[in-house]
Amino acid sequence: MNEITKTERIENRIYTIRMQKIMLDSDLAALYEVETKVLNQAVKRNIDKFPASFMFRLTSDEWENLRSQFVTFRDDIRKFKPYAFTDLPKPLLIY
């Protein structure tokens, strides 16, 4: 994949919530080519390596608003609301 395509893939997955540019856990996991569950577990295992403002869980209203705006989210039924990442992690060890 060329650099332009990679950049477009990332830019298309950036949203603004709480006046911050964020990426959802599922989108970040897709970029790392891992399951969302695996990404979230890796972050939680290494949470002390990140600033406190690194991520937050969306509220029900935020998630519903995002889902209503994008067709791709309408069928995204989750047990838990997604995490929003405010900064992309530097090499995150996912295993």
PDB file of N, CA and C in Angstrom:
ATOM      1  N   MET A   1       0.848  -1.169   0.000  1.00  0.00           N
ATOM      2  CA  MET A   1       0.000   0.000   0.000  1.00  0.00           C
ATOM      3  C   MET A   1       0.898   1.238   0.000  1.00  0.00           C
ATOM      4  N   ASN A   2       0.608   2.196  -0.875  1.00  0.00           N
ATOM      5  CA  ASN A   2       1.452   3.380  -0.930  1.00  0.00           C
ATOM      6  C   ASN A   2       1.103   4.354   0.190  1.00  0.00           C
ATOM      7  N   GLU A   3       1.983   5.350   0.395  1.00  0.00           N
ATOM      8  CA  GLU A   3       1.822   6.286   1.509  1.00  0.00           C
ATOM      9  C   GLU A   3       0.526   7.099   1.416  1.00  0.00           C
ATOM     10  N   ILE A   4       0.123   7.483   0.215  1.00  0.00           N
ATOM     11  CA  ILE A   4      -1.104   8.263   0.060  1.00  0.00           C
ATOM     12  C   ILE A   4      -2.314   7.452   0.505  1.00  0.00           C
ATOM     13  N   THR A   5      -2.358   6.195   0.112  1.00  0.00           N
ATOM     14  CA  THR A   5      -3.469   5.335   0.500  1.00  0.00           C
ATOM     15  C   THR A   5      -3.505   5.155   2.014  1.00  0.00           C
ATOM     16  N   LYS A   6      -2.346   4.951   2.629  1.00  0.00           N
ATOM     17  CA  LYS A   6      -2.293   4.798   4.084  1.00  0.00           C
ATOM     18  C   LYS A   6      -2.792   6.061   4.775  1.00  0.00           C
ATOM     19  N   THR A   7      -2.361   7.215   4.294  1.00  0.00           N
ATOM     20  CA  THR A   7      -2.777   8.482   4.884  1.00  0.00           C
ATOM     21  C   THR A   7      -4.281   8.668   4.754  1.00  0.00           C
ATOM     22  N   GLU A   8      -4.829   8.350   3.599  1.00  0.00           N
ATOM     23  CA  GLU A   8      -6.274   8.473   3.396  1.00  0.00           C
ATOM     24  C   GLU A   8      -7.038   7.542   4.324  1.00  0.00           C
ATOM     25  N   ARG A   9      -6.528   6.316   4.497  1.00  0.00           N
ATOM     26  CA  ARG A   9      -7.187   5.368   5.406  1.00  0.00           C
ATOM     27  C   ARG A   9      -7.244   5.927   6.813  1.00  0.00           C
ATOM     28  N   ILE A  10      -6.185   6.564   7.245  1.00  0.00           N
ATOM     29  CA  ILE A  10      -6.141   7.125   8.590  1.00  0.00           C
ATOM     30  C   ILE A  10      -7.044   8.347   8.688  1.00  0.00           C
ATOM     31  N   GLU A  11      -6.938   9.257   7.731  1.00  0.00           N
ATOM     32  CA  GLU A  11      -7.736  10.487   7.774  1.00  0.00           C
ATOM     33  C   GLU A  11      -9.232  10.196   7.766  1.00  0.00           C
ATOM     34  N   ASN A  12      -9.653   9.145   7.078  1.00  0.00           N
ATOM     35  CA  ASN A  12     -11.069   8.791   7.020  1.00  0.00           C
ATOM     36  C   ASN A  12     -11.583   8.207   8.326  1.00  0.00           C
ATOM     37  N   ARG A  13     -10.702   7.927   9.251  1.00  0.00           N
ATOM     38  CA  ARG A  13     -11.088   7.319  10.526  1.00  0.00           C
ATOM     39  C   ARG A  13     -10.905   8.268  11.704  1.00  0.00           C
ATOM     40  N   ILE A  14     -10.683   9.524  11.417  1.00  0.00           N
ATOM     41  CA  ILE A  14     -10.519  10.525  12.474  1.00  0.00           C
ATOM     42  C   ILE A  14     -11.826  11.298  12.607  1.00  0.00           C
ATOM     43  N   TYR A  15     -12.329  11.370  13.832  1.00  0.00           N
ATOM     44  CA  TYR A  15     -13.585  12.052  14.127  1.00  0.00           C
ATOM     45  C   TYR A  15     -13.318  13.119  15.190  1.00  0.00           C
ATOM     46  N   THR A  16     -14.233  14.037  15.334  1.00  0.00           N
ATOM     47  CA  THR A  16     -14.107  15.058  16.371  1.00  0.00           C
ATOM     48  C   THR A  16     -15.210  14.840  17.403  1.00  0.00           C
ATOM     49  N   ILE A  17     -14.775  14.618  18.628  1.00  0.00           N
ATOM     50  CA  ILE A  17     -15.684  14.439  19.770  1.00  0.00           C
ATOM     51  C   ILE A  17     -15.084  15.202  20.939  1.00  0.00           C
ATOM     52  N   ARG A  18     -15.921  15.886  21.680  1.00  0.00           N
ATOM     53  CA  ARG A  18     -15.467  16.707  22.817  1.00  0.00           C
ATOM     54  C   ARG A  18     -14.387  17.697  22.382  1.00  0.00           C
ATOM     55  N   MET A  19     -14.528  18.194  21.173  1.00  0.00           N
ATOM     56  CA  MET A  19     -13.597  19.160  20.594  1.00  0.00           C
ATOM     57  C   MET A  19     -12.176  18.611  20.483  1.00  0.00           C
ATOM     58  N   GLN A  20     -12.066  17.290  20.349  1.00  0.00           N
ATOM     59  CA  GLN A  20     -10.773  16.638  20.166  1.00  0.00           C
ATOM     60  C   GLN A  20     -10.839  15.730  18.949  1.00  0.00           C
ATOM     61  N   LYS A  21      -9.752  15.636  18.238  1.00  0.00           N
ATOM     62  CA  LYS A  21      -9.669  14.677  17.151  1.00  0.00           C
ATOM     63  C   LYS A  21      -9.369  13.317  17.767  1.00  0.00           C
ATOM     64  N   ILE A  22     -10.178  12.318  17.398  1.00  0.00           N
ATOM     65  CA  ILE A  22     -10.033  10.992  18.000  1.00  0.00           C
ATOM     66  C   ILE A  22     -10.096   9.911  16.922  1.00  0.00           C
ATOM     67  N   MET A  23      -9.657   8.728  17.305  1.00  0.00           N
ATOM     68  CA  MET A  23      -9.879   7.511  16.514  1.00  0.00           C
ATOM     69  C   MET A  23     -10.535   6.509  17.441  1.00  0.00           C
ATOM     70  N   LEU A  24     -11.495   5.776  16.909  1.00  0.00           N
ATOM     71  CA  LEU A  24     -12.152   4.738  17.705  1.00  0.00           C
ATOM     72  C   LEU A  24     -11.238   3.528  17.836  1.00  0.00           C
ATOM     73  N   ASP A  25     -11.447   2.787  18.907  1.00  0.00           N
ATOM     74  CA  ASP A  25     -10.638   1.597  19.141  1.00  0.00           C
ATOM     75  C   ASP A  25     -10.698   0.613  17.974  1.00  0.00           C
ATOM     76  N   SER A  26     -11.863   0.445  17.374  1.00  0.00           N
ATOM     77  CA  SER A  26     -12.007  -0.507  16.273  1.00  0.00           C
ATOM     78  C   SER A  26     -11.235  -0.055  15.031  1.00  0.00           C
ATOM     79  N   ASP A  27     -11.207   1.251  14.779  1.00  0.00           N
ATOM     80  CA  ASP A  27     -10.461   1.769  13.634  1.00  0.00           C
ATOM     81  C   ASP A  27      -8.956   1.655  13.856  1.00  0.00           C
ATOM     82  N   LEU A  28      -8.524   1.950  15.067  1.00  0.00           N
ATOM     83  CA  LEU A  28      -7.111   1.834  15.390  1.00  0.00           C
ATOM     84  C   LEU A  28      -6.670   0.369  15.325  1.00  0.00           C
ATOM     85  N   ALA A  29      -7.515  -0.525  15.814  1.00  0.00           N
ATOM     86  CA  ALA A  29      -7.210  -1.954  15.745  1.00  0.00           C
ATOM     87  C   ALA A  29      -7.087  -2.413  14.291  1.00  0.00           C
ATOM     88  N   ALA A  30      -7.959  -1.922  13.419  1.00  0.00           N
ATOM     89  CA  ALA A  30      -7.903  -2.283  12.001  1.00  0.00           C
ATOM     90  C   ALA A  30      -6.591  -1.823  11.377  1.00  0.00           C
ATOM     91  N   LEU A  31      -6.120  -0.648  11.759  1.00  0.00           N
ATOM     92  CA  LEU A  31      -4.844  -0.158  11.228  1.00  0.00           C
ATOM     93  C   LEU A  31      -3.679  -1.025  11.690  1.00  0.00           C
ATOM     94  N   TYR A  32      -3.764  -1.524  12.930  1.00  0.00           N
ATOM     95  CA  TYR A  32      -2.737  -2.419  13.455  1.00  0.00           C
ATOM     96  C   TYR A  32      -2.952  -3.870  13.011  1.00  0.00           C
ATOM     97  N   GLU A  33      -4.088  -4.106  12.357  1.00  0.00           N
ATOM     98  CA  GLU A  33      -4.454  -5.439  11.874  1.00  0.00           C
ATOM     99  C   GLU A  33      -4.578  -6.448  13.011  1.00  0.00           C
ATOM    100  N   VAL A  34      -5.276  -6.016  14.079  1.00  0.00           N
ATOM    101  CA  VAL A  34      -5.582  -6.884  15.216  1.00  0.00           C
ATOM    102  C   VAL A  34      -7.048  -6.701  15.568  1.00  0.00           C
ATOM    103  N   GLU A  35      -7.570  -7.591  16.388  1.00  0.00           N
ATOM    104  CA  GLU A  35      -8.941  -7.447  16.869  1.00  0.00           C
ATOM    105  C   GLU A  35      -9.017  -6.291  17.867  1.00  0.00           C
ATOM    106  N   THR A  36     -10.159  -5.659  17.938  1.00  0.00           N
ATOM    107  CA  THR A  36     -10.367  -4.542  18.858  1.00  0.00           C
ATOM    108  C   THR A  36     -10.090  -4.985  20.293  1.00  0.00           C
ATOM    109  N   LYS A  37     -10.549  -6.152  20.629  1.00  0.00           N
ATOM    110  CA  LYS A  37     -10.346  -6.693  21.977  1.00  0.00           C
ATOM    111  C   LYS A  37      -8.859  -6.795  22.311  1.00  0.00           C
ATOM    112  N   VAL A  38      -8.059  -7.224  21.362  1.00  0.00           N
ATOM    113  CA  VAL A  38      -6.615  -7.376  21.562  1.00  0.00           C
ATOM    114  C   VAL A  38      -5.959  -6.008  21.772  1.00  0.00           C
ATOM    115  N   LEU A  39      -6.356  -5.020  20.984  1.00  0.00           N
ATOM    116  CA  LEU A  39      -5.813  -3.670  21.139  1.00  0.00           C
ATOM    117  C   LEU A  39      -6.141  -3.125  22.525  1.00  0.00           C
ATOM    118  N   ASN A  40      -7.406  -3.227  22.920  1.00  0.00           N
ATOM    119  CA  ASN A  40      -7.813  -2.698  24.225  1.00  0.00           C
ATOM    120  C   ASN A  40      -7.094  -3.405  25.368  1.00  0.00           C
ATOM    121  N   GLN A  41      -6.894  -4.705  25.262  1.00  0.00           N
ATOM    122  CA  GLN A  41      -6.163  -5.444  26.294  1.00  0.00           C
ATOM    123  C   GLN A  41      -4.718  -4.970  26.379  1.00  0.00           C
ATOM    124  N   ALA A  42      -4.081  -4.756  25.222  1.00  0.00           N
ATOM    125  CA  ALA A  42      -2.689  -4.302  25.205  1.00  0.00           C
ATOM    126  C   ALA A  42      -2.557  -2.921  25.838  1.00  0.00           C
ATOM    127  N   VAL A  43      -3.494  -2.042  25.538  1.00  0.00           N
ATOM    128  CA  VAL A  43      -3.459  -0.697  26.126  1.00  0.00           C
ATOM    129  C   VAL A  43      -3.650  -0.786  27.634  1.00  0.00           C
ATOM    130  N   LYS A  44      -4.619  -1.564  28.088  1.00  0.00           N
ATOM    131  CA  LYS A  44      -4.876  -1.679  29.524  1.00  0.00           C
ATOM    132  C   LYS A  44      -3.679  -2.291  30.258  1.00  0.00           C
ATOM    133  N   ARG A  45      -2.996  -3.232  29.614  1.00  0.00           N
ATOM    134  CA  ARG A  45      -1.806  -3.841  30.217  1.00  0.00           C
ATOM    135  C   ARG A  45      -0.670  -2.831  30.365  1.00  0.00           C
ATOM    136  N   ASN A  46      -0.652  -1.827  29.501  1.00  0.00           N
ATOM    137  CA  ASN A  46       0.445  -0.853  29.475  1.00  0.00           C
ATOM    138  C   ASN A  46      -0.038   0.566  29.779  1.00  0.00           C
ATOM    139  N   ILE A  47      -1.141   0.690  30.491  1.00  0.00           N
ATOM    140  CA  ILE A  47      -1.779   1.986  30.705  1.00  0.00           C
ATOM    141  C   ILE A  47      -0.853   3.000  31.366  1.00  0.00           C
ATOM    142  N   ASP A  48       0.087   2.545  32.181  1.00  0.00           N
ATOM    143  CA  ASP A  48       1.000   3.467  32.857  1.00  0.00           C
ATOM    144  C   ASP A  48       1.983   4.136  31.896  1.00  0.00           C
ATOM    145  N   LYS A  49       2.057   3.663  30.668  1.00  0.00           N
ATOM    146  CA  LYS A  49       2.967   4.241  29.673  1.00  0.00           C
ATOM    147  C   LYS A  49       2.318   5.370  28.881  1.00  0.00           C
ATOM    148  N   PHE A  50       1.043   5.649  29.144  1.00  0.00           N
ATOM    149  CA  PHE A  50       0.308   6.650  28.380  1.00  0.00           C
ATOM    150  C   PHE A  50      -0.169   7.769  29.298  1.00  0.00           C
ATOM    151  N   PRO A  51      -0.317   8.985  28.743  1.00  0.00           N
ATOM    152  CA  PRO A  51      -0.874  10.075  29.560  1.00  0.00           C
ATOM    153  C   PRO A  51      -2.342   9.801  29.887  1.00  0.00           C
ATOM    154  N   ALA A  52      -2.830  10.402  30.936  1.00  0.00           N
ATOM    155  CA  ALA A  52      -4.215  10.175  31.369  1.00  0.00           C
ATOM    156  C   ALA A  52      -5.224  10.565  30.304  1.00  0.00           C
ATOM    157  N   SER A  53      -4.892  11.540  29.481  1.00  0.00           N
ATOM    158  CA  SER A  53      -5.820  12.019  28.454  1.00  0.00           C
ATOM    159  C   SER A  53      -5.731  11.214  27.154  1.00  0.00           C
ATOM    160  N   PHE A  54      -5.004  10.124  27.174  1.00  0.00           N
ATOM    161  CA  PHE A  54      -4.745   9.323  25.978  1.00  0.00           C
ATOM    162  C   PHE A  54      -6.011   8.713  25.380  1.00  0.00           C
ATOM    163  N   MET A  55      -6.949   8.319  26.233  1.00  0.00           N
ATOM    164  CA  MET A  55      -8.172   7.693  25.732  1.00  0.00           C
ATOM    165  C   MET A  55      -9.311   7.894  26.725  1.00  0.00           C
ATOM    166  N   PHE A  56     -10.519   7.755  26.208  1.00  0.00           N
ATOM    167  CA  PHE A  56     -11.703   7.804  27.065  1.00  0.00           C
ATOM    168  C   PHE A  56     -12.779   6.968  26.396  1.00  0.00           C
ATOM    169  N   ARG A  57     -13.737   6.513  27.195  1.00  0.00           N
ATOM    170  CA  ARG A  57     -14.858   5.742  26.652  1.00  0.00           C
ATOM    171  C   ARG A  57     -15.956   6.721  26.247  1.00  0.00           C
ATOM    172  N   LEU A  58     -16.538   6.503  25.078  1.00  0.00           N
ATOM    173  CA  LEU A  58     -17.627   7.354  24.620  1.00  0.00           C
ATOM    174  C   LEU A  58     -18.849   7.179  25.512  1.00  0.00           C
ATOM    175  N   THR A  59     -19.612   8.242  25.649  1.00  0.00           N
ATOM    176  CA  THR A  59     -20.883   8.138  26.359  1.00  0.00           C
ATOM    177  C   THR A  59     -21.906   7.517  25.407  1.00  0.00           C
ATOM    178  N   SER A  60     -23.025   7.115  25.946  1.00  0.00           N
ATOM    179  CA  SER A  60     -24.097   6.555  25.107  1.00  0.00           C
ATOM    180  C   SER A  60     -24.544   7.559  24.052  1.00  0.00           C
ATOM    181  N   ASP A  61     -24.703   8.813  24.451  1.00  0.00           N
ATOM    182  CA  ASP A  61     -25.130   9.851  23.507  1.00  0.00           C
ATOM    183  C   ASP A  61     -24.095  10.070  22.404  1.00  0.00           C
ATOM    184  N   GLU A  62     -22.822  10.120  22.775  1.00  0.00           N
ATOM    185  CA  GLU A  62     -21.762  10.313  21.769  1.00  0.00           C
ATOM    186  C   GLU A  62     -21.746   9.165  20.772  1.00  0.00           C
ATOM    187  N   TRP A  63     -21.878   7.947  21.280  1.00  0.00           N
ATOM    188  CA  TRP A  63     -21.849   6.774  20.409  1.00  0.00           C
ATOM    189  C   TRP A  63     -23.064   6.762  19.485  1.00  0.00           C
ATOM    190  N   GLU A  64     -24.239   7.049  20.020  1.00  0.00           N
ATOM    191  CA  GLU A  64     -25.449   7.076  19.195  1.00  0.00           C
ATOM    192  C   GLU A  64     -25.363   8.174  18.131  1.00  0.00           C
ATOM    193  N   ASN A  65     -24.839   9.330  18.509  1.00  0.00           N
ATOM    194  CA  ASN A  65     -24.690  10.431  17.561  1.00  0.00           C
ATOM    195  C   ASN A  65     -23.728  10.045  16.425  1.00  0.00           C
ATOM    196  N   LEU A  66     -22.617   9.431  16.763  1.00  0.00           N
ATOM    197  CA  LEU A  66     -21.648   8.993  15.753  1.00  0.00           C
ATOM    198  C   LEU A  66     -22.259   7.930  14.850  1.00  0.00           C
ATOM    199  N   ARG A  67     -22.962   6.977  15.453  1.00  0.00           N
ATOM    200  CA  ARG A  67     -23.584   5.908  14.676  1.00  0.00           C
ATOM    201  C   ARG A  67     -24.632   6.458  13.717  1.00  0.00           C
ATOM    202  N   SER A  68     -25.365   7.473  14.147  1.00  0.00           N
ATOM    203  CA  SER A  68     -26.415   8.026  13.291  1.00  0.00           C
ATOM    204  C   SER A  68     -25.831   8.810  12.110  1.00  0.00           C
ATOM    205  N   GLN A  69     -24.603   9.290  12.243  1.00  0.00           N
ATOM    206  CA  GLN A  69     -23.979  10.084  11.184  1.00  0.00           C
ATOM    207  C   GLN A  69     -23.338   9.229  10.093  1.00  0.00           C
ATOM    208  N   PHE A  70     -22.945   8.003  10.426  1.00  0.00           N
ATOM    209  CA  PHE A  70     -22.184   7.186   9.494  1.00  0.00           C
ATOM    210  C   PHE A  70     -22.864   5.842   9.274  1.00  0.00           C
ATOM    211  N   VAL A  71     -23.122   5.541   8.024  1.00  0.00           N
ATOM    212  CA  VAL A  71     -23.784   4.288   7.655  1.00  0.00           C
ATOM    213  C   VAL A  71     -23.004   3.085   8.167  1.00  0.00           C
ATOM    214  N   THR A  72     -21.685   3.154   8.127  1.00  0.00           N
ATOM    215  CA  THR A  72     -20.859   2.006   8.525  1.00  0.00           C
ATOM    216  C   THR A  72     -21.010   1.654   9.996  1.00  0.00           C
ATOM    217  N   PHE A  73     -21.442   2.613  10.824  1.00  0.00           N
ATOM    218  CA  PHE A  73     -21.601   2.349  12.256  1.00  0.00           C
ATOM    219  C   PHE A  73     -22.988   1.861  12.618  1.00  0.00           C
ATOM    220  N   ARG A  74     -23.940   1.990  11.745  1.00  0.00           N
ATOM    221  CA  ARG A  74     -25.332   1.675  12.103  1.00  0.00           C
ATOM    222  C   ARG A  74     -25.512   0.220  12.528  1.00  0.00           C
ATOM    223  N   ASP A  75     -24.754  -0.671  11.926  1.00  0.00           N
ATOM    224  CA  ASP A  75     -24.865  -2.087  12.271  1.00  0.00           C
ATOM    225  C   ASP A  75     -23.842  -2.501  13.325  1.00  0.00           C
ATOM    226  N   ASP A  76     -23.098  -1.549  13.845  1.00  0.00           N
ATOM    227  CA  ASP A  76     -22.052  -1.839  14.826  1.00  0.00           C
ATOM    228  C   ASP A  76     -22.675  -1.914  16.214  1.00  0.00           C
ATOM    229  N   ILE A  77     -23.171  -3.089  16.556  1.00  0.00           N
ATOM    230  CA  ILE A  77     -23.780  -3.306  17.872  1.00  0.00           C
ATOM    231  C   ILE A  77     -22.688  -3.876  18.777  1.00  0.00           C
ATOM    232  N   ARG A  78     -22.417  -3.198  19.854  1.00  0.00           N
ATOM    233  CA  ARG A  78     -21.363  -3.620  20.779  1.00  0.00           C
ATOM    234  C   ARG A  78     -21.938  -3.842  22.167  1.00  0.00           C
ATOM    235  N   LYS A  79     -21.266  -4.686  22.895  1.00  0.00           N
ATOM    236  CA  LYS A  79     -21.633  -4.915  24.282  1.00  0.00           C
ATOM    237  C   LYS A  79     -21.230  -3.692  25.124  1.00  0.00           C
ATOM    238  N   PHE A  80     -20.079  -3.089  24.774  1.00  0.00           N
ATOM    239  CA  PHE A  80     -19.567  -1.920  25.483  1.00  0.00           C
ATOM    240  C   PHE A  80     -19.371  -0.782  24.494  1.00  0.00           C
ATOM    241  N   LYS A  81     -19.490   0.431  24.977  1.00  0.00           N
ATOM    242  CA  LYS A  81     -19.239   1.586  24.113  1.00  0.00           C
ATOM    243  C   LYS A  81     -17.746   1.635  23.785  1.00  0.00           C
ATOM    244  N   PRO A  82     -17.396   2.143  22.601  1.00  0.00           N
ATOM    245  CA  PRO A  82     -15.995   2.132  22.195  1.00  0.00           C
ATOM    246  C   PRO A  82     -15.142   3.137  22.965  1.00  0.00           C
ATOM    247  N   TYR A  83     -13.840   2.862  22.954  1.00  0.00           N
ATOM    248  CA  TYR A  83     -12.867   3.813  23.462  1.00  0.00           C
ATOM    249  C   TYR A  83     -12.512   4.766  22.335  1.00  0.00           C
ATOM    250  N   ALA A  84     -12.252   6.009  22.694  1.00  0.00           N
ATOM    251  CA  ALA A  84     -11.773   7.013  21.759  1.00  0.00           C
ATOM    252  C   ALA A  84     -10.329   7.318  22.138  1.00  0.00           C
ATOM    253  N   PHE A  85      -9.432   7.227  21.175  1.00  0.00           N
ATOM    254  CA  PHE A  85      -8.021   7.497  21.409  1.00  0.00           C
ATOM    255  C   PHE A  85      -7.706   8.893  20.904  1.00  0.00           C
ATOM    256  N   THR A  86      -7.133   9.706  21.777  1.00  0.00           N
ATOM    257  CA  THR A  86      -6.850  11.096  21.441  1.00  0.00           C
ATOM    258  C   THR A  86      -5.470  11.266  20.823  1.00  0.00           C
ATOM    259  N   ASP A  87      -4.580  10.342  21.068  1.00  0.00           N
ATOM    260  CA  ASP A  87      -3.234  10.349  20.491  1.00  0.00           C
ATOM    261  C   ASP A  87      -2.968   8.955  19.969  1.00  0.00           C
ATOM    262  N   LEU A  88      -2.321   8.864  18.828  1.00  0.00           N
ATOM    263  CA  LEU A  88      -1.948   7.545  18.332  1.00  0.00           C
ATOM    264  C   LEU A  88      -0.790   7.025  19.154  1.00  0.00           C
ATOM    265  N   PRO A  89      -0.863   5.786  19.598  1.00  0.00           N
ATOM    266  CA  PRO A  89       0.241   5.259  20.387  1.00  0.00           C
ATOM    267  C   PRO A  89       1.484   5.085  19.556  1.00  0.00           C
ATOM    268  N   LYS A  90       2.609   5.329  20.178  1.00  0.00           N
ATOM    269  CA  LYS A  90       3.878   5.013  19.528  1.00  0.00           C
ATOM    270  C   LYS A  90       3.913   3.488  19.546  1.00  0.00           C
ATOM    271  N   PRO A  91       4.856   2.860  18.922  1.00  0.00           N
ATOM    272  CA  PRO A  91       4.756   1.401  18.778  1.00  0.00           C
ATOM    273  C   PRO A  91       4.166   0.717  20.008  1.00  0.00           C
ATOM    274  N   LEU A  92       2.986   0.193  19.832  1.00  0.00           N
ATOM    275  CA  LEU A  92       2.254  -0.457  20.902  1.00  0.00           C
ATOM    276  C   LEU A  92       2.470  -1.956  20.757  1.00  0.00           C
ATOM    277  N   LEU A  93       2.911  -2.588  21.801  1.00  0.00           N
ATOM    278  CA  LEU A  93       3.152  -4.022  21.740  1.00  0.00           C
ATOM    279  C   LEU A  93       1.839  -4.748  21.882  1.00  0.00           C
ATOM    280  N   ILE A  94       1.408  -5.359  20.797  1.00  0.00           N
ATOM    281  CA  ILE A  94       0.150  -6.097  20.785  1.00  0.00           C
ATOM    282  C   ILE A  94       0.475  -7.559  20.565  1.00  0.00           C
ATOM    283  N   TYR A  95       0.132  -8.359  21.540  1.00  0.00           N
ATOM    284  CA  TYR A  95       0.383  -9.792  21.413  1.00  0.00           C
ATOM    285  C   TYR A  95      -0.685 -10.572  22.121  1.00  0.00           C
TER     286      TYR A  95
END
